[in-house]
Amino acid sequence: MFDRTRRRFIREWDSSMALRTAVIAAAATIIGSLFLAFFLTQQITSGLFQSRFNQVQAEANHALQQTRQVFENAATADEDSTTSLVADTLRQLTTDDTAFARDFLLVPLEEDNSMYVGSMSSGGATEQLITDELADQVASGNGIYYQSIALPDAGSTQPGLAFGTQVVLPPGNYYALYFIYDLADVQATIDYLMNVLLVAGVVLVFMNIGIALWVTRSVGKPIQQAAQTAEWLSSGDLSVRMDVQRTDEIGSLSESFNKMADNIQDQITQLADLSQIQQRFVSDVSHELRTPLTTVAMASEVLYESRNELDPVLRRSTELMHHQVERFQALLEDLLEISRFDAGAAQVSVEKTDLLHLAADVVLTAQPLADKTNTQLSIVAKGDNFTADVDSRRIERILRNLVNNAIEHGESNPVDVILEGDDTSVSIVVRDHGMGMTEAQLEHVFDRFWRADPARTRTTGGSGLGLAIAVEDTRLHNGTIDVWARPDQGSSFRVTLPRISGTVVSGEPPLSLPPEYDRAKRMSARDVDVSDSQPQGSTVFNRVTEQHLYHPRKELP
């Protein structure tokens, strides 16, 4: 319960400027009030007690000296007259209207049978009120001594002062005479002032909290409005602006924010217009080139099929032209596909597909390229169920592009295609151990027309659009594609697809980056069993055959 409350408070503290301001203002006010109250209390207490002490001390000294003289000059010679003198003298001192309220205590210093007068007191004063230290001073000296004492008061105590001196009474006996002053009125004054300070401190705390909240609201509301406006701008609503109603710094901030929003809107509008022009240009050029390129391709095909009848020079020229036309057709197809993505016209044709067999056929198709670079292509299947509802043509295109790129940049090191699935998704990772990429290159790896090394010799005729198309194809499946790479350690591209069409990939993918797998379980694409596990009615291989991308498995030697 406590941990939940603490976590909630921490969340509120991090997210609420008003809460932080109120708490800080309250804490600062309380700390300041405590210091101020402590200082004032010390000053007031010291001043009141010192003032009262000076008055009481002067009066006590005068009264004790006067009483001492009266007792020393007494001419009484019997017990009755002495007792009457002492009682009258002390009673007169305690009932004097000009003096502070006080009680007396007369105590013999030594018990003697010749004493005329015993112990006497007024107002309930007892010897227990007198400290041993004061009693010793009075018994051993002839001066006037004082000490602070605690007076009982209905279960509690009140501050008091005791002044004492030695006096001599007939027939020559020594007594300790004490005047006891009650300082309860001074304490009451101090208590009243403390209550006033406490009430003032509480009022000050709430007043400062209110001021802090008001200031926070007056300053924070425009900031919240700016944050909300920024969110609307980031979501694409470029028409929103802040409401400028003030002429102070906040008003200047609002005006500056609105000017910034105007500039952003203008720039985004310009960029959008340029992007639209660019997309229209690419689309128009692609469509315009398609027809003449088809004618050129047909002529090139005729020449290519008759190349053996030509002389060596023309034969080589015919072969070069044929291959370049094929590259041009592939680039044109990529541009047309990008145009469809930009226009939002791309659609998926979903079918239940065994992604393991799809990956195996992609690897078989890429084997001739791998043979040219002496690259070992392998498949690692972690599990036995890799079926998912996908557009097999698009997923095959993603994997073909990733595998070809891995061969291209793998520097003749092994390239592995690893598959693993869980209850909701299937991950496919293409792992190479080649040149890898830097952090700066990773930031652009999915950009259009970008190549890791533009000066690198091209063996696959890449256009720089393959990964951009792979991102769009993955997005159409509500899947994810991401990459891990380190210089000289290779790269790992991971495609994660939901098993059921219409669902979204969530949580951690089945495979990590870079993937962890047993290299001893590598197998050739030819070793993947087709007949036992291919879903009934699957059209992956029929589609592949119709596209003439590669031969069906059964026709392989």
Protein backbone atom coordinates (compact mmCIF):
# COMPACT_ATOMS: atom_id res chain seq x y z
CA MET A 1 0.00 0.00 0.00
CA PHE A 2 2.80 2.37 0.96
CA ASP A 3 4.83 1.52 -2.18
CA ARG A 4 1.80 2.08 -4.41
CA THR A 5 1.13 5.45 -2.78
CA ARG A 6 4.79 6.40 -3.10
CA ARG A 7 4.92 5.44 -6.79
CA ARG A 8 1.72 7.39 -7.45
CA PHE A 9 3.15 10.44 -5.69
CA ILE A 10 6.37 10.17 -7.71
CA ARG A 11 4.36 10.00 -10.95
CA GLU A 12 2.31 13.02 -9.91
CA TRP A 13 5.48 14.84 -8.84
CA ASP A 14 7.16 14.23 -12.20
CA SER A 15 4.11 15.18 -14.25
CA SER A 16 2.63 18.12 -12.30
CA MET A 17 4.46 21.42 -12.10
CA ALA A 18 1.66 22.78 -9.87
CA LEU A 19 2.24 20.01 -7.31
CA ARG A 20 5.99 20.61 -7.26
CA THR A 21 5.51 24.36 -6.88
CA ALA A 22 2.94 23.97 -4.10
CA VAL A 23 5.06 21.45 -2.17
CA ILE A 24 8.24 23.50 -2.55
CA ALA A 25 6.42 26.71 -1.54
CA ALA A 26 4.89 24.98 1.47
CA ALA A 27 8.21 23.45 2.52
CA ALA A 28 10.07 26.74 2.09
CA THR A 29 7.37 28.62 4.04
CA ILE A 30 7.34 26.07 6.86
CA ILE A 31 11.14 26.08 7.14
CA GLY A 32 11.26 29.86 7.02
CA SER A 33 8.44 30.17 9.54
CA LEU A 34 10.17 27.75 11.90
CA PHE A 35 13.40 29.72 11.77
CA LEU A 36 11.53 32.99 12.23
CA ALA A 37 9.44 31.58 15.08
CA PHE A 38 12.55 30.21 16.77
CA PHE A 39 14.33 33.55 16.46
CA LEU A 40 11.34 35.60 17.65
CA THR A 41 10.66 33.20 20.50
CA GLN A 42 14.24 33.44 21.69
CA GLN A 43 14.23 37.21 21.47
CA ILE A 44 10.81 37.69 23.05
CA THR A 45 11.40 35.10 25.78
CA SER A 46 14.80 36.51 26.61
CA GLY A 47 13.47 40.06 26.62
CA LEU A 48 10.41 39.36 28.77
CA PHE A 49 12.23 37.21 31.30
CA GLN A 50 15.18 39.56 31.52
CA SER A 51 12.91 42.55 32.03
CA ARG A 52 10.88 40.76 34.69
CA PHE A 53 14.04 39.40 36.34
CA ASN A 54 15.57 42.86 36.63
CA GLN A 55 12.41 44.19 38.24
CA VAL A 56 12.01 41.24 40.57
CA GLN A 57 15.68 41.23 41.50
CA ALA A 58 15.67 44.91 42.45
CA GLU A 59 12.52 44.48 44.48
CA ALA A 60 13.68 41.24 46.15
CA ASN A 61 17.04 42.69 47.11
CA HIS A 62 15.37 45.76 48.63
CA ALA A 63 12.77 43.69 50.49
CA LEU A 64 15.30 41.17 51.82
CA GLN A 65 17.71 43.85 52.99
CA GLN A 66 14.87 45.74 54.64
CA THR A 67 13.64 42.57 56.36
CA ARG A 68 17.16 41.67 57.47
CA GLN A 69 17.56 45.10 59.11
CA VAL A 70 14.17 44.85 60.81
CA PHE A 71 15.07 41.45 62.26
CA GLU A 72 18.57 42.55 63.31
CA ASN A 73 17.18 45.63 65.13
CA ALA A 74 14.40 43.69 66.80
CA ALA A 75 14.31 44.21 70.62
CA THR A 76 11.92 41.38 71.43
CA ALA A 77 12.92 39.13 74.28
CA ASP A 78 10.29 36.43 74.29
CA GLU A 79 8.75 33.96 71.87
CA ASP A 80 5.35 35.64 71.45
CA SER A 81 6.67 39.07 70.62
CA THR A 82 9.30 37.65 68.26
CA THR A 83 6.77 35.48 66.47
CA SER A 84 4.40 38.42 66.13
CA LEU A 85 7.18 40.65 64.74
CA VAL A 86 8.22 38.09 62.17
CA ALA A 87 4.65 37.36 61.08
CA ASP A 88 3.69 41.03 60.78
CA THR A 89 6.86 41.92 58.87
CA LEU A 90 6.59 39.08 56.38
CA ARG A 91 2.82 39.51 55.93
CA GLN A 92 3.35 43.18 55.13
CA LEU A 93 5.91 42.28 52.46
CA THR A 94 3.61 39.75 50.75
CA THR A 95 0.57 42.05 50.75
CA ASP A 96 2.37 45.12 49.46
CA ASP A 97 0.32 46.34 46.45
CA THR A 98 3.32 48.00 44.84
CA ALA A 99 5.30 44.74 44.76
CA PHE A 100 5.10 41.76 42.45
CA ALA A 101 3.15 38.81 43.76
CA ARG A 102 5.37 36.73 45.98
CA ASP A 103 5.36 34.21 48.79
CA PHE A 104 7.87 33.79 51.60
CA LEU A 105 9.51 30.83 53.26
CA LEU A 106 11.37 31.12 56.59
CA VAL A 107 13.42 28.05 57.50
CA PRO A 108 15.77 27.69 60.51
CA LEU A 109 19.29 26.75 59.46
CA GLU A 110 19.87 24.74 62.65
CA GLU A 111 17.30 23.19 64.98
CA ASP A 112 17.66 24.57 68.55
CA ASN A 113 15.42 24.32 71.60
CA SER A 114 16.02 28.01 72.33
CA MET A 115 14.42 29.15 69.08
CA TYR A 116 11.46 31.47 69.48
CA VAL A 117 10.25 31.05 65.87
CA GLY A 118 9.89 27.86 63.79
CA SER A 119 9.39 27.46 60.02
CA MET A 120 6.91 29.87 58.44
CA SER A 121 5.56 30.20 54.87
CA SER A 122 2.78 31.68 52.76
CA GLY A 123 0.91 30.59 49.63
CA GLY A 124 1.84 26.94 50.07
CA ALA A 125 5.57 27.53 49.73
CA THR A 126 7.58 24.53 50.92
CA GLU A 127 11.20 23.60 51.28
CA GLN A 128 10.83 21.21 48.27
CA LEU A 129 10.68 24.27 45.99
CA ILE A 130 14.16 25.35 47.03
CA THR A 131 17.01 23.64 45.22
CA ASP A 132 19.92 22.22 47.16
CA GLU A 133 22.29 24.57 45.38
CA LEU A 134 20.40 27.67 46.51
CA ALA A 135 19.98 26.30 50.05
CA ASP A 136 23.74 25.68 50.34
CA GLN A 137 24.54 29.17 49.08
CA VAL A 138 22.21 30.81 51.59
CA ALA A 139 23.47 28.63 54.46
CA SER A 140 27.12 29.39 53.74
CA GLY A 141 27.04 33.09 52.87
CA ASN A 142 25.66 36.44 53.92
CA GLY A 143 24.68 37.70 50.47
CA ILE A 144 21.44 37.57 48.56
CA TYR A 145 21.21 34.60 46.18
CA TYR A 146 18.70 33.58 43.53
CA GLN A 147 17.82 30.69 41.27
CA SER A 148 15.11 29.68 38.77
CA ILE A 149 12.69 27.13 40.13
CA ALA A 150 9.66 25.17 38.90
CA LEU A 151 6.36 25.86 40.66
CA PRO A 152 3.68 23.13 40.62
CA ASP A 153 0.43 24.09 38.89
CA ALA A 154 -2.41 21.54 38.57
CA GLY A 155 -0.28 18.66 37.39
CA SER A 156 2.19 20.81 35.45
CA THR A 157 4.80 23.38 36.38
CA GLN A 158 5.24 27.11 35.92
CA PRO A 159 8.49 29.08 35.91
CA GLY A 160 9.44 30.95 39.07
CA LEU A 161 12.31 32.72 40.86
CA ALA A 162 13.53 32.20 44.39
CA PHE A 163 15.67 34.82 46.20
CA GLY A 164 17.20 33.92 49.55
CA THR A 165 19.43 35.30 52.32
CA GLN A 166 20.39 34.68 55.94
CA VAL A 167 18.58 36.54 58.72
CA VAL A 168 19.10 36.53 62.50
CA LEU A 169 16.16 36.43 64.91
CA PRO A 170 16.17 36.77 68.67
CA PRO A 171 17.62 35.23 70.66
CA GLY A 172 20.36 34.93 67.94
CA ASN A 173 19.25 32.01 65.80
CA TYR A 174 20.06 31.91 62.07
CA TYR A 175 17.32 31.43 59.47
CA ALA A 176 17.08 31.20 55.68
CA LEU A 177 14.52 33.63 54.32
CA TYR A 178 13.28 33.06 50.73
CA PHE A 179 11.03 35.21 48.57
CA ILE A 180 9.36 33.15 45.80
CA TYR A 181 8.03 34.90 42.69
CA ASP A 182 5.59 33.27 40.25
CA LEU A 183 6.37 34.03 36.57
CA ALA A 184 3.23 32.34 35.21
CA ASP A 185 2.00 35.61 33.72
CA VAL A 186 5.22 35.94 31.72
CA GLN A 187 4.84 32.35 30.51
CA ALA A 188 1.21 33.02 29.59
CA THR A 189 2.31 36.01 27.52
CA ILE A 190 4.91 33.88 25.74
CA ASP A 191 2.37 31.09 25.11
CA TYR A 192 -0.04 33.63 23.64
CA LEU A 193 2.65 34.98 21.34
CA MET A 194 3.57 31.43 20.28
CA ASN A 195 -0.06 30.69 19.42
CA VAL A 196 -0.22 33.89 17.42
CA LEU A 197 2.97 32.92 15.58
CA LEU A 198 1.60 29.43 14.93
CA VAL A 199 -1.66 30.74 13.50
CA ALA A 200 0.23 33.31 11.45
CA GLY A 201 2.58 30.58 10.18
CA VAL A 202 -0.31 28.33 9.13
CA VAL A 203 -2.05 31.24 7.41
CA LEU A 204 1.24 32.16 5.71
CA VAL A 205 1.75 28.57 4.50
CA PHE A 206 -1.71 28.37 2.93
CA MET A 207 -1.39 31.87 1.54
CA ASN A 208 1.95 31.03 -0.08
CA ILE A 209 0.55 27.76 -1.44
CA GLY A 210 -2.37 29.70 -2.92
CA ILE A 211 -0.03 32.29 -4.42
CA ALA A 212 2.23 29.58 -5.79
CA LEU A 213 -0.71 27.75 -7.35
CA TRP A 214 -2.03 30.99 -8.83
CA VAL A 215 1.36 31.90 -10.25
CA THR A 216 1.85 28.36 -11.53
CA ARG A 217 -1.56 28.41 -13.16
CA SER A 218 -1.03 31.82 -14.71
CA VAL A 219 2.34 30.73 -16.08
CA GLY A 220 1.64 27.03 -16.58
CA LYS A 221 -1.66 27.41 -18.44
CA PRO A 222 -0.01 29.10 -21.44
CA ILE A 223 2.73 26.47 -21.31
CA GLN A 224 0.11 23.71 -21.30
CA GLN A 225 -1.64 25.45 -24.17
CA ALA A 226 1.67 25.61 -26.03
CA ALA A 227 2.28 21.90 -25.36
CA GLN A 228 -1.23 21.01 -26.55
CA THR A 229 -0.81 23.17 -29.62
CA ALA A 230 2.54 21.51 -30.33
CA GLU A 231 0.89 18.08 -30.08
CA TRP A 232 -1.80 19.14 -32.54
CA LEU A 233 0.89 20.46 -34.86
CA SER A 234 2.87 17.23 -34.58
CA SER A 235 -0.28 15.23 -35.33
CA GLY A 236 -0.67 17.11 -38.62
CA ASP A 237 -3.13 19.90 -37.77
CA LEU A 238 -1.10 22.87 -38.95
CA SER A 239 -3.93 25.38 -38.53
CA VAL A 240 -3.94 25.53 -34.72
CA ARG A 241 -2.48 28.57 -32.98
CA MET A 242 -2.11 29.81 -29.42
CA ASP A 243 -4.60 32.36 -28.10
CA VAL A 244 -2.67 35.59 -27.43
CA GLN A 245 -4.43 37.60 -24.69
CA ARG A 246 -1.50 39.06 -22.79
CA THR A 247 1.23 41.62 -23.46
CA ASP A 248 3.82 40.31 -21.00
CA GLU A 249 6.54 37.70 -21.51
CA ILE A 250 3.93 34.95 -21.85
CA GLY A 251 2.21 36.95 -24.57
CA SER A 252 5.54 37.37 -26.37
CA LEU A 253 6.10 33.64 -26.06
CA SER A 254 2.67 32.94 -27.57
CA GLU A 255 3.31 35.31 -30.46
CA SER A 256 6.72 33.76 -31.11
CA PHE A 257 5.19 30.29 -30.98
CA ASN A 258 2.52 31.29 -33.50
CA LYS A 259 5.16 32.78 -35.81
CA MET A 260 7.13 29.55 -35.54
CA ALA A 261 3.98 27.56 -36.34
CA ASP A 262 3.35 29.78 -39.38
CA ASN A 263 6.88 29.20 -40.63
CA ILE A 264 6.61 25.46 -40.03
CA GLN A 265 3.28 25.35 -41.86
CA ASP A 266 4.74 27.25 -44.81
CA GLN A 267 7.80 25.00 -44.98
CA ILE A 268 5.78 21.80 -44.59
CA THR A 269 3.36 22.99 -47.24
CA GLN A 270 6.25 23.71 -49.58
CA LEU A 271 7.86 20.36 -48.84
CA ALA A 272 4.54 18.59 -49.30
CA ASP A 273 4.05 20.31 -52.65
CA LEU A 274 7.58 19.39 -53.70
CA SER A 275 7.08 15.82 -52.51
CA GLN A 276 3.81 15.58 -54.39
CA ILE A 277 5.48 16.92 -57.52
CA GLN A 278 8.32 14.46 -57.06
CA GLN A 279 5.95 11.54 -56.54
CA ARG A 280 3.90 12.55 -59.57
CA PHE A 281 7.08 12.91 -61.61
CA VAL A 282 8.32 9.43 -60.57
CA SER A 283 4.91 7.93 -61.27
CA ASP A 284 4.54 9.64 -64.63
CA VAL A 285 8.08 8.85 -65.73
CA SER A 286 7.70 5.23 -64.63
CA HIS A 287 4.50 4.78 -66.56
CA GLU A 288 5.80 6.64 -69.59
CA LEU A 289 8.94 4.51 -69.67
CA ARG A 290 7.08 1.26 -69.25
CA THR A 291 5.73 1.02 -72.78
CA PRO A 292 8.92 1.89 -74.69
CA LEU A 293 10.96 -0.23 -72.30
CA THR A 294 8.68 -3.18 -72.99
CA THR A 295 9.34 -2.74 -76.70
CA VAL A 296 13.08 -2.45 -76.11
CA ALA A 297 12.96 -5.53 -73.87
CA MET A 298 11.17 -7.54 -76.56
CA ALA A 299 13.74 -6.52 -79.16
CA SER A 300 16.53 -7.27 -76.70
CA GLU A 301 15.05 -10.71 -76.02
CA VAL A 302 14.92 -11.51 -79.72
CA LEU A 303 18.54 -10.47 -80.17
CA TYR A 304 19.59 -12.32 -77.03
CA GLU A 305 17.99 -15.57 -78.19
CA SER A 306 19.81 -15.24 -81.56
CA ARG A 307 23.17 -14.23 -80.03
CA ASN A 308 24.86 -17.47 -81.07
CA GLU A 309 24.37 -16.55 -84.71
CA LEU A 310 26.23 -13.25 -84.29
CA ASP A 311 29.93 -12.55 -84.35
CA PRO A 312 31.69 -12.36 -80.95
CA VAL A 313 31.60 -8.57 -80.68
CA LEU A 314 27.88 -8.30 -81.42
CA ARG A 315 27.19 -11.31 -79.22
CA ARG A 316 28.86 -9.61 -76.22
CA SER A 317 27.05 -6.36 -76.92
CA THR A 318 23.74 -8.23 -77.11
CA GLU A 319 24.38 -9.92 -73.74
CA LEU A 320 25.30 -6.61 -72.08
CA MET A 321 22.23 -4.91 -73.49
CA HIS A 322 20.01 -7.78 -72.35
CA HIS A 323 21.33 -7.66 -68.76
CA GLN A 324 21.10 -3.87 -68.55
CA VAL A 325 17.53 -3.94 -69.86
CA GLU A 326 16.69 -6.44 -67.13
CA ARG A 327 18.21 -4.14 -64.52
CA PHE A 328 16.28 -1.21 -65.99
CA GLN A 329 13.06 -3.22 -65.81
CA ALA A 330 13.75 -4.11 -62.16
CA LEU A 331 14.41 -0.44 -61.33
CA LEU A 332 11.24 0.57 -63.14
CA GLU A 333 9.23 -2.02 -61.19
CA ASP A 334 10.65 -0.64 -57.94
CA LEU A 335 9.72 2.90 -58.91
CA LEU A 336 6.19 1.81 -59.82
CA GLU A 337 5.89 -0.01 -56.50
CA ILE A 338 7.06 3.09 -54.62
CA SER A 339 4.51 5.13 -56.54
CA ARG A 340 1.75 2.76 -55.45
CA PHE A 341 2.88 3.07 -51.82
CA ASP A 342 2.91 6.86 -52.04
CA ALA A 343 -0.55 6.87 -53.60
CA GLY A 344 -1.90 4.49 -50.96
CA ALA A 345 -2.92 2.04 -53.67
CA ALA A 346 -0.85 -0.91 -52.48
CA GLN A 347 -2.92 -3.91 -51.39
CA VAL A 348 -2.13 -7.30 -49.93
CA SER A 349 -3.44 -10.68 -51.02
CA VAL A 350 -3.32 -12.75 -47.85
CA GLU A 351 -2.96 -16.51 -47.81
CA LYS A 352 -1.79 -18.98 -45.18
CA THR A 353 1.87 -19.53 -45.97
CA ASP A 354 4.66 -21.63 -44.54
CA LEU A 355 7.39 -19.03 -44.11
CA LEU A 356 10.07 -21.72 -43.72
CA HIS A 357 9.42 -23.06 -47.23
CA LEU A 358 9.14 -19.55 -48.59
CA ALA A 359 12.55 -18.72 -47.07
CA ALA A 360 14.00 -21.97 -48.46
CA ASP A 361 12.94 -21.09 -51.98
CA VAL A 362 14.36 -17.58 -51.63
CA VAL A 363 17.66 -19.10 -50.54
CA LEU A 364 17.60 -21.50 -53.52
CA THR A 365 16.95 -18.60 -55.88
CA ALA A 366 19.89 -16.68 -54.41
CA GLN A 367 22.23 -19.68 -54.55
CA PRO A 368 23.73 -18.81 -57.97
CA LEU A 369 24.70 -15.36 -56.64
CA ALA A 370 26.12 -16.97 -53.50
CA ASP A 371 28.15 -19.38 -55.62
CA LYS A 372 29.75 -16.46 -57.47
CA THR A 373 30.96 -14.97 -54.15
CA ASN A 374 31.72 -18.34 -52.53
CA THR A 375 29.17 -17.65 -49.81
CA GLN A 376 27.57 -20.41 -47.76
CA LEU A 377 23.78 -19.96 -47.50
CA SER A 378 22.03 -21.78 -44.64
CA ILE A 379 18.67 -21.94 -42.88
CA VAL A 380 18.19 -22.38 -39.13
CA ALA A 381 14.66 -23.31 -38.03
CA LYS A 382 14.05 -22.86 -34.30
CA GLY A 383 10.75 -24.66 -33.92
CA ASP A 384 8.35 -26.40 -36.24
CA ASN A 385 5.46 -24.02 -36.92
CA PHE A 386 6.12 -21.03 -39.14
CA THR A 387 2.75 -20.52 -40.82
CA ALA A 388 1.24 -17.04 -41.04
CA ASP A 389 -1.39 -15.17 -43.02
CA VAL A 390 0.72 -13.09 -45.42
CA ASP A 391 0.97 -11.86 -48.97
CA SER A 392 3.58 -14.40 -50.03
CA ARG A 393 4.67 -12.33 -53.05
CA ARG A 394 5.57 -9.35 -50.86
CA ILE A 395 7.25 -11.39 -48.13
CA GLU A 396 9.25 -13.28 -50.76
CA ARG A 397 10.36 -9.92 -52.16
CA ILE A 398 11.45 -8.75 -48.68
CA LEU A 399 13.47 -11.89 -48.03
CA ARG A 400 14.99 -11.94 -51.52
CA ASN A 401 16.20 -8.39 -51.06
CA LEU A 402 17.64 -9.08 -47.58
CA VAL A 403 19.41 -12.25 -48.66
CA ASN A 404 20.88 -10.63 -51.78
CA ASN A 405 22.09 -7.68 -49.69
CA ALA A 406 23.65 -10.08 -47.17
CA ILE A 407 25.52 -11.87 -49.97
CA GLU A 408 26.55 -8.55 -51.49
CA HIS A 409 28.01 -7.22 -48.20
CA GLY A 410 28.91 -10.52 -46.52
CA GLU A 411 32.44 -10.63 -47.97
CA SER A 412 32.16 -14.40 -48.65
CA ASN A 413 31.31 -15.15 -45.01
CA PRO A 414 28.36 -17.42 -44.19
CA VAL A 415 24.84 -15.99 -44.44
CA ASP A 416 22.13 -17.53 -42.24
CA VAL A 417 18.35 -17.21 -42.41
CA ILE A 418 16.97 -17.92 -38.92
CA LEU A 419 13.25 -18.46 -38.18
CA GLU A 420 11.44 -18.69 -34.86
CA GLY A 421 7.82 -18.22 -33.88
CA ASP A 422 5.62 -17.85 -30.83
CA ASP A 423 1.87 -17.95 -30.35
CA THR A 424 1.20 -14.65 -32.12
CA SER A 425 4.08 -13.89 -34.48
CA VAL A 426 6.96 -15.25 -36.52
CA SER A 427 10.40 -13.65 -36.80
CA ILE A 428 12.82 -14.11 -39.70
CA VAL A 429 16.38 -12.82 -39.33
CA VAL A 430 18.90 -12.63 -42.16
CA ARG A 431 22.34 -12.67 -40.54
CA ASP A 432 25.59 -11.99 -42.34
CA HIS A 433 29.12 -11.73 -40.93
CA GLY A 434 30.54 -9.20 -43.32
CA MET A 435 31.49 -5.54 -43.28
CA GLY A 436 28.59 -4.39 -41.08
CA MET A 437 27.53 -0.77 -40.68
CA THR A 438 28.26 2.20 -38.43
CA GLU A 439 25.70 3.98 -36.24
CA ALA A 440 25.54 6.83 -38.75
CA GLN A 441 24.80 4.41 -41.59
CA LEU A 442 22.09 2.64 -39.58
CA GLU A 443 20.16 5.91 -39.37
CA HIS A 444 19.74 5.91 -43.18
CA VAL A 445 19.60 2.22 -43.99
CA PHE A 446 15.85 2.31 -44.78
CA ASP A 447 15.98 5.60 -46.72
CA ARG A 448 15.10 5.59 -50.41
CA PHE A 449 17.95 5.48 -52.92
CA TRP A 450 20.52 5.08 -50.13
CA ARG A 451 23.42 2.66 -50.32
CA ALA A 452 25.90 1.93 -47.52
CA ASP A 453 28.82 2.42 -49.91
CA PRO A 454 27.95 4.19 -53.19
CA ALA A 455 31.45 3.50 -54.54
CA ARG A 456 31.16 -0.24 -53.88
CA THR A 457 31.21 -2.45 -56.98
CA ARG A 458 27.66 -3.54 -57.74
CA THR A 459 27.06 -7.19 -58.48
CA THR A 460 23.31 -7.30 -57.97
CA GLY A 461 22.30 -4.06 -59.63
CA GLY A 462 20.66 -2.61 -56.52
CA SER A 463 18.70 0.60 -56.89
CA GLY A 464 18.65 1.66 -53.24
CA LEU A 465 14.88 1.12 -53.06
CA GLY A 466 14.83 -2.47 -51.82
CA LEU A 467 14.83 -1.78 -48.10
CA ALA A 468 12.40 1.13 -48.47
CA ILE A 469 10.00 -1.23 -50.27
CA ALA A 470 10.62 -3.87 -47.58
CA VAL A 471 9.55 -1.37 -44.91
CA GLU A 472 6.31 -0.62 -46.77
CA ASP A 473 5.58 -4.31 -47.41
CA THR A 474 6.12 -5.07 -43.72
CA ARG A 475 3.90 -2.17 -42.69
CA LEU A 476 1.09 -3.51 -44.90
CA HIS A 477 1.22 -6.71 -42.80
CA ASN A 478 1.17 -4.77 -39.48
CA GLY A 479 4.63 -6.20 -38.86
CA THR A 480 8.02 -4.71 -37.99
CA ILE A 481 11.44 -4.65 -39.60
CA ASP A 482 14.56 -3.58 -37.74
CA VAL A 483 18.30 -3.99 -37.97
CA TRP A 484 21.41 -4.57 -35.87
CA ALA A 485 24.89 -3.98 -37.24
CA ARG A 486 28.45 -3.39 -36.07
CA PRO A 487 31.47 -2.55 -38.20
CA ASP A 488 33.36 -5.72 -39.17
CA GLN A 489 30.86 -7.86 -37.21
CA GLY A 490 28.13 -8.10 -39.81
CA SER A 491 24.46 -7.19 -39.86
CA SER A 492 21.14 -8.74 -38.82
CA PHE A 493 17.85 -7.72 -40.42
CA ARG A 494 14.77 -8.94 -38.56
CA VAL A 495 11.26 -9.16 -40.03
CA THR A 496 8.47 -9.95 -37.55
CA LEU A 497 5.00 -10.77 -38.89
CA PRO A 498 1.73 -11.53 -37.05
CA ARG A 499 0.39 -15.02 -37.56
CA ILE A 500 -3.20 -13.85 -38.05
CA SER A 501 -4.06 -11.20 -40.62
CA GLY A 502 -5.41 -7.99 -39.12
CA THR A 503 -3.53 -8.33 -35.83
CA VAL A 504 -0.54 -6.24 -34.82
CA VAL A 505 2.88 -7.37 -33.64
CA SER A 506 3.24 -6.51 -29.95
CA GLY A 507 5.70 -7.38 -27.25
CA GLU A 508 9.17 -8.77 -27.76
CA PRO A 509 9.80 -10.55 -31.10
CA PRO A 510 10.59 -14.29 -30.91
CA LEU A 511 14.15 -13.64 -32.11
CA SER A 512 16.56 -11.17 -30.54
CA LEU A 513 19.06 -8.95 -32.35
CA PRO A 514 21.62 -10.22 -33.04
CA PRO A 515 19.96 -13.65 -32.98
CA GLU A 516 21.17 -16.43 -30.74
CA TYR A 517 21.19 -19.81 -32.48
CA ASP A 518 23.11 -23.04 -32.71
CA ARG A 519 25.30 -22.92 -35.82
CA ALA A 520 25.48 -26.71 -35.73
CA LYS A 521 21.80 -26.75 -36.75
CA ARG A 522 22.42 -24.98 -40.05
CA MET A 523 20.86 -26.79 -42.99
CA SER A 524 20.73 -26.35 -46.71
CA ALA A 525 17.59 -25.04 -48.34
CA ARG A 526 17.38 -28.32 -50.27
CA ASP A 527 16.99 -30.17 -46.94
CA VAL A 528 13.78 -28.38 -46.02
CA ASP A 529 10.92 -30.90 -46.32
CA VAL A 530 8.24 -29.59 -48.67
CA SER A 531 5.71 -32.35 -48.93
CA ASP A 532 5.22 -33.03 -45.20
CA SER A 533 4.65 -29.57 -43.81
CA GLN A 534 3.48 -27.34 -46.66
CA PRO A 535 -0.05 -26.07 -45.83
CA GLN A 536 -2.70 -27.70 -47.94
CA GLY A 537 -3.92 -25.41 -50.69
CA SER A 538 -0.91 -23.09 -50.38
CA THR A 539 -0.16 -21.24 -53.59
CA VAL A 540 3.38 -20.14 -52.79
CA PHE A 541 5.12 -22.43 -55.24
CA ASN A 542 2.45 -22.09 -57.95
CA ARG A 543 2.83 -18.33 -57.78
CA VAL A 544 6.58 -18.60 -57.94
CA THR A 545 6.37 -20.85 -60.99
CA GLU A 546 4.06 -18.47 -62.79
CA GLN A 547 6.43 -15.58 -62.07
CA HIS A 548 9.33 -17.63 -63.50
CA LEU A 549 11.53 -16.35 -60.69
CA TYR A 550 12.99 -19.82 -60.15
CA HIS A 551 12.11 -23.43 -60.77
CA PRO A 552 9.89 -25.44 -58.41
CA ARG A 553 11.71 -27.65 -55.95
CA LYS A 554 10.79 -30.90 -57.71
CA GLU A 555 12.64 -29.84 -60.90
CA LEU A 556 15.89 -29.07 -59.13
CA PRO A 557 18.75 -31.48 -59.91
